[in-house]
């Protein structure tokens, strides 16, 4: 039984087909600034390196830092 915490940053883009495409990155740095994330996202859009089912990345849709705490209440006995 343990308490654990994880943090990710989820970068969500708009695509040419009108859908969204998300990239999740583990363990973002603590002092992450919106401007630097937006600059990185714009660089990904401009480089056109991602091929999604709904077309090329066309814009920034959302940026979220997600912090999750898990309280594991039961660990089964090891066999």
Protein backbone atom coordinates (compact mmCIF):
# COMPACT_ATOMS: atom_id res chain seq x y z
CA UNK A 1 0.00 0.00 0.00
CA UNK A 2 1.39 3.34 -1.03
CA UNK A 3 0.60 6.87 -2.01
CA UNK A 4 2.09 7.92 -5.35
CA UNK A 5 1.94 11.06 -7.43
CA UNK A 6 2.51 11.61 -11.14
CA UNK A 7 2.57 14.78 -13.20
CA UNK A 8 2.20 15.17 -16.97
CA UNK A 9 1.70 17.99 -19.43
CA UNK A 10 -0.88 17.36 -22.14
CA UNK A 11 -0.48 19.36 -25.36
CA UNK A 12 -3.63 19.37 -27.48
CA UNK A 13 -3.64 20.52 -31.09
CA UNK A 14 -6.34 21.19 -33.69
CA UNK A 15 -6.00 19.25 -36.94
CA UNK A 16 -6.84 19.99 -40.56
CA UNK A 17 -9.77 17.56 -40.35
CA UNK A 18 -11.41 19.47 -37.50
CA UNK A 19 -10.42 17.00 -34.79
CA UNK A 20 -7.90 17.16 -31.95
CA UNK A 21 -4.56 15.43 -31.40
CA UNK A 22 -2.88 15.24 -27.99
CA UNK A 23 0.67 14.56 -26.86
CA UNK A 24 1.32 13.71 -23.22
CA UNK A 25 4.78 14.28 -21.72
CA UNK A 26 5.75 12.80 -18.33
CA UNK A 27 7.47 14.78 -15.58
CA UNK A 28 7.35 18.36 -16.90
CA UNK A 29 9.73 20.80 -15.26
CA UNK A 30 8.29 22.65 -12.27
CA UNK A 31 8.65 26.20 -13.63
CA UNK A 32 7.02 25.51 -17.00
CA UNK A 33 5.82 28.76 -18.60
CA UNK A 34 2.92 29.05 -21.07
CA UNK A 35 4.99 31.06 -23.56
CA UNK A 36 7.72 28.42 -23.82
CA UNK A 37 5.16 25.62 -24.23
CA UNK A 38 3.32 27.58 -26.94
CA UNK A 39 6.61 28.23 -28.75
CA UNK A 40 7.41 24.49 -28.70
CA UNK A 41 3.90 23.64 -29.92
CA UNK A 42 4.13 26.18 -32.75
CA UNK A 43 7.48 24.64 -33.72
CA UNK A 44 5.81 21.21 -33.93
CA UNK A 45 3.01 22.66 -36.07
CA UNK A 46 5.47 24.44 -38.38
CA UNK A 47 7.69 21.37 -38.78
CA UNK A 48 4.72 19.25 -39.96
CA UNK A 49 6.27 16.05 -38.56
CA UNK A 50 3.08 14.47 -37.19
CA UNK A 51 0.73 12.60 -39.49
CA UNK A 52 -2.60 12.14 -37.70
CA UNK A 53 -5.69 10.30 -38.95
CA UNK A 54 -7.41 13.68 -39.33
CA UNK A 55 -4.59 15.52 -41.08
CA UNK A 56 -1.83 17.95 -40.20
CA UNK A 57 -1.62 19.92 -36.97
CA UNK A 58 -3.07 23.38 -37.57
CA UNK A 59 -3.21 25.13 -34.20
CA UNK A 60 -2.93 25.06 -30.43
CA UNK A 61 -6.10 23.86 -28.75
CA UNK A 62 -5.15 23.41 -25.07
CA UNK A 63 -2.27 23.02 -22.62
CA UNK A 64 -2.82 21.27 -19.28
CA UNK A 65 -0.52 20.21 -16.47
CA UNK A 66 -2.19 17.23 -14.82
CA UNK A 67 -1.13 16.13 -11.33
CA UNK A 68 -2.54 12.77 -10.20
CA UNK A 69 -2.31 11.27 -6.72
CA UNK A 70 -3.04 7.56 -6.33
CA UNK A 71 -3.72 5.93 -2.98
CA UNK A 72 -3.15 2.18 -3.42
CA UNK A 73 -5.28 0.66 -0.66
CA UNK A 74 -4.57 -3.01 -1.34
CA UNK A 75 -1.68 -5.02 -2.71
CA UNK A 76 -2.47 -8.69 -3.43
CA UNK A 77 -0.17 -11.25 -1.80
CA UNK A 78 2.76 -12.34 -3.95
CA UNK A 79 2.55 -15.96 -5.14
